[in-house]
Protein backbone atom coordinates (compact mmCIF):
# COMPACT_ATOMS: atom_id res chain seq x y z
CA MET A 1 107.90 83.56 61.82
CA ALA A 2 105.28 81.30 61.94
CA ALA A 3 101.46 82.30 61.33
CA GLY A 4 98.61 81.17 61.64
CA ARG A 5 94.85 81.62 62.69
CA PHE A 6 92.21 79.80 64.89
CA ASP A 7 89.01 78.42 62.70
CA ALA A 8 86.77 78.73 64.93
CA VAL A 9 84.11 77.02 62.33
CA ALA A 10 85.86 74.18 62.58
CA PHE A 11 85.93 74.08 66.38
CA HIS A 12 82.29 75.12 66.74
CA THR A 13 81.57 72.25 64.23
CA ALA A 14 83.97 69.60 66.19
CA LEU A 15 81.63 70.74 69.31
CA ASP A 16 78.75 70.33 68.26
CA ARG A 17 79.57 67.11 67.08
CA THR A 18 80.80 66.37 70.77
CA ARG A 19 77.75 67.97 71.98
CA GLN A 20 75.23 65.40 69.37
CA GLU A 21 76.87 62.63 70.22
CA ARG A 22 76.54 63.31 74.56
CA GLY A 23 72.66 63.73 73.52
CA LEU A 24 73.47 67.44 75.24
CA LEU A 25 71.74 70.79 74.31
CA TRP A 26 73.88 73.57 73.87
CA LYS A 27 72.97 75.29 77.21
CA ASP A 28 73.93 71.92 78.88
CA VAL A 29 77.49 72.56 77.09
CA ALA A 30 77.88 75.84 78.30
CA GLN A 31 77.02 74.53 82.06
CA GLN A 32 79.54 71.45 82.08
CA ALA A 33 82.57 73.28 80.36
CA GLY A 34 81.82 76.23 83.08
CA VAL A 35 81.08 78.95 79.88
CA SER A 36 78.45 81.18 79.17
CA ALA A 37 75.85 80.78 76.66
CA SER A 38 77.41 83.76 75.08
CA THR A 39 80.49 82.07 74.34
CA LEU A 40 78.80 79.52 71.99
CA THR A 41 76.85 81.99 70.04
CA ARG A 42 79.75 83.72 69.54
CA LEU A 43 81.59 80.53 68.16
CA ALA A 44 78.15 79.68 66.55
CA GLN A 45 78.45 82.97 64.39
CA GLY A 46 82.12 82.29 63.42
CA ARG A 47 84.07 83.96 66.35
CA ARG A 48 86.71 83.21 68.32
CA PRO A 49 86.31 82.38 72.08
CA ASP A 50 88.54 83.96 74.50
CA VAL A 51 91.53 82.25 75.83
CA ASP A 52 89.38 80.65 79.23
CA GLY A 53 86.64 79.71 77.18
CA LEU A 54 89.11 77.88 74.91
CA ALA A 55 90.49 76.20 77.53
CA ALA A 56 87.26 75.06 78.72
CA LEU A 57 85.81 74.02 76.04
CA VAL A 58 88.80 71.76 74.34
CA THR A 59 88.61 70.19 78.10
CA TRP A 60 85.42 69.58 78.00
CA ALA A 61 85.29 67.95 74.26
CA ASN A 62 88.48 66.20 74.97
CA LEU A 63 89.81 68.25 72.11
CA SER A 64 93.44 69.75 71.22
CA ALA A 65 93.56 73.53 70.33
CA ASP A 66 96.30 72.89 67.82
CA ASP A 67 94.00 70.79 65.98
CA PHE A 68 92.50 73.95 64.77
CA VAL A 69 95.32 76.38 64.32
CA ARG A 70 95.74 77.29 60.70
CA ARG A 71 99.13 77.59 59.77
CA THR A 72 99.72 79.98 56.69
CA ASP A 73 103.51 79.00 56.51
CA GLU A 74 102.77 75.24 55.50
CA PRO A 75 100.83 73.44 52.98
CA ARG A 76 97.07 72.86 53.79
CA SER A 77 97.48 69.29 53.15
CA GLN A 78 100.30 68.46 55.23
CA ASP A 79 99.99 64.78 56.23
CA THR A 80 96.03 65.30 56.65
CA LEU A 81 95.26 61.89 55.05
CA THR A 82 97.82 60.67 57.77
CA LYS A 83 96.19 62.10 60.78
CA VAL A 84 93.13 60.94 59.58
CA ALA A 85 94.11 57.47 59.16
CA THR A 86 95.53 57.03 62.44
CA HIS A 87 92.24 58.30 64.00
CA LEU A 88 90.37 55.88 62.24
CA ARG A 89 92.74 53.01 63.67
CA GLY A 90 92.92 54.05 66.98
CA ASP A 91 89.18 54.29 66.60
CA ARG A 92 87.86 51.42 69.24
CA ASN A 93 84.42 51.17 67.77
CA LEU A 94 85.78 50.07 64.12
CA THR A 95 87.30 46.97 63.21
CA PRO A 96 90.46 47.09 61.71
CA GLU A 97 88.72 46.27 58.29
CA ALA A 98 86.03 49.30 58.93
CA ALA A 99 88.68 51.42 59.59
CA GLU A 100 90.39 50.60 56.38
CA ALA A 101 87.55 50.88 54.24
CA LEU A 102 86.99 54.15 55.58
CA GLU A 103 90.60 55.12 54.92
CA ALA A 104 89.94 54.00 51.65
CA LEU A 105 86.60 56.25 50.98
CA ILE A 106 88.15 59.57 52.66
CA THR A 107 91.29 59.05 50.55
CA VAL A 108 89.35 58.86 47.56
CA ALA A 109 86.75 61.88 48.13
CA TYR A 110 89.42 64.06 49.45
CA ASN A 111 92.22 63.27 46.80
CA GLN A 112 88.99 64.49 44.10
CA LEU A 113 88.49 67.65 46.17
CA VAL A 114 91.43 68.90 47.25
CA THR A 115 92.49 72.13 45.44
CA ASP A 116 96.04 73.99 45.46
CA GLN A 117 94.37 77.05 45.64
CA PRO A 118 95.56 78.68 48.99
CA GLU A 119 92.61 79.86 51.78
């Protein structure tokens, strides 16, 4: 049976990036997403949101909840670089050359920092 856990810290980081890109305050996020401010406070503390809060926030930020589920029965680095490259090459704000350059930088950094130790 597959086992996994929700990475609330990574989810909060993604929400914060979206918030910053949109130039919003956290209270604006709560209002627009239809969640309570306490939901966002709990996320900032590394706690998991309830299912309805999660659904509202992934919808608001245009994210996939599955991206934040860490499966413990799969290698941690399974196709990470492939996913990054796919996102970079699909980014309309980047030229193909810029996406390739970023991919190369990320690949070097990733390979230097990756560890074989379990989380």
